[in-house]
C-alpha atoms as a PDB file:
ATOM      1  CA  GLY A   1      19.499 -16.060  10.100  1.00  0.00           C
ATOM      2  CA  VAL A   2      22.480 -14.161  11.514  1.00  0.00           C
ATOM      3  CA  GLN A   3      25.680 -13.644   9.517  1.00  0.00           C
ATOM      4  CA  THR A   4      29.230 -12.637  10.516  1.00  0.00           C
ATOM      5  CA  CYS A   5      31.788 -11.093   8.037  1.00  0.00           C
ATOM      6  CA  ALA A   6      35.331 -10.457   9.376  1.00  0.00           C
ATOM      7  CA  LEU A   7      35.413 -12.227  12.720  1.00  0.00           C
ATOM      8  CA  PRO A   8      36.666 -15.938  12.708  1.00  0.00           C
ATOM      9  CA  ILE A   9      33.860 -16.677  15.316  1.00  0.00           C
ATOM     10  CA  PHE A  10      31.256 -14.479  16.768  1.00  0.00           C
ATOM     11  CA  THR A  11      29.866 -15.584  20.243  1.00  0.00           C
ATOM     12  CA  ILE A  12      26.342 -14.533  21.350  1.00  0.00           C
ATOM     13  CA  THR A  13      26.137 -14.693  25.082  1.00  0.00           C
ATOM     14  CA  SER A  14      22.417 -13.412  25.327  1.00  0.00           C
ATOM     15  CA  LEU A  15      19.685 -11.741  23.271  1.00  0.00           C
ATOM     16  CA  ALA A  16      16.722  -9.741  24.367  1.00  0.00           C
ATOM     17  CA  GLY A  17      14.187  -7.350  22.932  1.00  0.00           C
ATOM     18  CA  ASP A  18      10.827  -6.753  21.627  1.00  0.00           C
ATOM     19  CA  LEU A  19       9.159  -8.087  18.475  1.00  0.00           C
ATOM     20  CA  LYS A  20       6.862  -5.337  16.884  1.00  0.00           C
ATOM     21  CA  ILE A  21       4.031  -5.289  14.441  1.00  0.00           C
ATOM     22  CA  ASN A  22       3.804  -1.972  12.609  1.00  0.00           C
ATOM     23  CA  ASN A  23       6.037  -0.383  15.314  1.00  0.00           C
ATOM     24  CA  LYS A  24       3.758  -1.625  18.238  1.00  0.00           C
ATOM     25  CA  ASP A  25       5.052  -3.970  20.862  1.00  0.00           C
ATOM     26  CA  PHE A  26       3.844  -7.430  20.147  1.00  0.00           C
ATOM     27  CA  ALA A  27       5.894  -9.955  22.154  1.00  0.00           C
ATOM     28  CA  SER A  28       9.172 -10.206  24.203  1.00  0.00           C
ATOM     29  CA  ILE A  29      12.157 -12.268  23.040  1.00  0.00           C
ATOM     30  CA  SER A  30      14.955 -13.602  25.107  1.00  0.00           C
ATOM     31  CA  ASN A  31      17.644 -16.155  24.994  1.00  0.00           C
ATOM     32  CA  THR A  32      20.587 -16.717  27.403  1.00  0.00           C
ATOM     33  CA  GLU A  33      22.029 -19.771  25.697  1.00  0.00           C
ATOM     34  CA  LYS A  34      25.593 -19.157  24.415  1.00  0.00           C
ATOM     35  CA  PHE A  35      25.785 -19.457  20.656  1.00  0.00           C
ATOM     36  CA  ASP A  36      28.812 -19.423  18.269  1.00  0.00           C
ATOM     37  CA  ILE A  37      28.542 -18.138  14.639  1.00  0.00           C
ATOM     38  CA  PRO A  38      31.521 -19.117  12.385  1.00  0.00           C
ATOM     39  CA  GLY A  39      32.960 -16.258  10.252  1.00  0.00           C
ATOM     40  CA  ASN A  40      31.504 -15.699   6.804  1.00  0.00           C
ATOM     41  CA  LYS A  41      28.487 -18.056   7.530  1.00  0.00           C
ATOM     42  CA  GLU A  42      24.872 -17.538   8.082  1.00  0.00           C
ATOM     43  CA  VAL A  43      23.152 -19.660  10.708  1.00  0.00           C
ATOM     44  CA  PHE A  44      19.752 -19.751  12.409  1.00  0.00           C
ATOM     45  CA  TYR A  45      19.536 -18.730  15.991  1.00  0.00           C
ATOM     46  CA  SER A  46      16.354 -19.913  17.981  1.00  0.00           C
ATOM     47  CA  VAL A  47      14.836 -17.696  20.469  1.00  0.00           C
ATOM     48  CA  LYS A  48      12.043 -17.851  22.966  1.00  0.00           C
ATOM     49  CA  ILE A  49       9.069 -15.555  22.295  1.00  0.00           C
ATOM     50  CA  THR A  50       6.689 -14.731  25.134  1.00  0.00           C
ATOM     51  CA  ALA A  51       3.170 -13.596  24.265  1.00  0.00           C
ATOM     52  CA  PRO A  52      -0.336 -14.700  25.188  1.00  0.00           C
ATOM     53  CA  ILE A  53      -1.570 -16.830  22.291  1.00  0.00           C
ATOM     54  CA  ILE A  54      -5.064 -15.188  22.207  1.00  0.00           C
ATOM     55  CA  SER A  55      -3.357 -11.852  21.911  1.00  0.00           C
ATOM     56  CA  VAL A  56      -1.200 -13.107  18.929  1.00  0.00           C
ATOM     57  CA  LEU A  57      -4.041 -14.536  17.168  1.00  0.00           C
ATOM     58  CA  GLN A  58      -6.240 -11.536  17.571  1.00  0.00           C
ATOM     59  CA  THR A  59      -3.591  -9.008  16.545  1.00  0.00           C
ATOM     60  CA  ILE A  60      -2.764 -10.992  13.297  1.00  0.00           C
ATOM     61  CA  TYR A  61      -6.479 -11.485  12.558  1.00  0.00           C
ATOM     62  CA  ASN A  62      -7.252  -7.773  12.998  1.00  0.00           C
ATOM     63  CA  TYR A  63      -4.419  -6.751  10.701  1.00  0.00           C
ATOM     64  CA  PHE A  64      -5.483  -9.141   7.942  1.00  0.00           C
ATOM     65  CA  LYS A  65      -9.194  -8.139   8.460  1.00  0.00           C
ATOM     66  CA  ALA A  66      -8.248  -4.527   8.001  1.00  0.00           C
ATOM     67  CA  LYS A  67      -6.109  -5.426   4.940  1.00  0.00           C
ATOM     68  CA  GLN A  68      -3.209  -3.441   6.523  1.00  0.00           C
ATOM     69  CA  LYS A  69       0.378  -3.903   5.376  1.00  0.00           C
ATOM     70  CA  LEU A  70       2.420  -5.711   7.983  1.00  0.00           C
ATOM     71  CA  LYS A  71       5.795  -4.879   9.123  1.00  0.00           C
ATOM     72  CA  LEU A  72       7.356  -7.311  11.629  1.00  0.00           C
ATOM     73  CA  SER A  73      10.503  -5.996  13.318  1.00  0.00           C
ATOM     74  CA  PHE A  74      12.923  -6.760  16.219  1.00  0.00           C
ATOM     75  CA  ASP A  75      14.323  -4.060  18.479  1.00  0.00           C
ATOM     76  CA  GLY A  76      16.591  -5.204  21.148  1.00  0.00           C
ATOM     77  CA  ILE A  77      20.207  -6.044  22.057  1.00  0.00           C
ATOM     78  CA  VAL A  78      22.769  -8.935  21.673  1.00  0.00           C
ATOM     79  CA  ASN A  79      25.519  -9.373  24.244  1.00  0.00           C
ATOM     80  CA  SER A  80      28.817 -10.882  22.961  1.00  0.00           C
ATOM     81  CA  THR A  81      31.483 -11.583  25.641  1.00  0.00           C
ATOM     82  CA  GLY A  82      30.950  -8.212  27.337  1.00  0.00           C
ATOM     83  CA  VAL A  83      30.001  -6.135  24.299  1.00  0.00           C
ATOM     84  CA  THR A  84      26.369  -4.954  24.017  1.00  0.00           C
ATOM     85  CA  ILE A  85      25.156  -4.529  20.369  1.00  0.00           C
ATOM     86  CA  PRO A  86      21.835  -2.803  19.643  1.00  0.00           C
ATOM     87  CA  ILE A  87      19.690  -4.342  16.865  1.00  0.00           C
ATOM     88  CA  ASN A  88      16.815  -2.808  15.098  1.00  0.00           C
ATOM     89  CA  GLN A  89      15.912  -5.179  12.193  1.00  0.00           C
ATOM     90  CA  THR A  90      12.827  -5.603   9.942  1.00  0.00           C
ATOM     91  CA  ILE A  91      12.039  -9.222   9.794  1.00  0.00           C
ATOM     92  CA  PHE A  92       9.140  -9.201   7.370  1.00  0.00           C
ATOM     93  CA  GLN A  93       7.336  -6.577   5.501  1.00  0.00           C
ATOM     94  CA  SER A  94       4.195  -7.044   3.110  1.00  0.00           C
END
């Protein structure tokens, strides 16, 4: 989810970046649909993920087979009415 604090409404105009597994590029993420987040609220924001399905399944299988710890992260930018905000966020870590 995405959460705002002090602003009454935060508007995302676009989002783009890379989904990474253990700091290696895994898939591209993008969304150009305008999205409003009310102040002091957490909401879910859907994104499009572009990755070949065979590559996705093979990568996940290899990590589980090797019994490696997984770290899923997002590295990208959010645009909000002319302001670009960098994001580097860990989504999941085992």
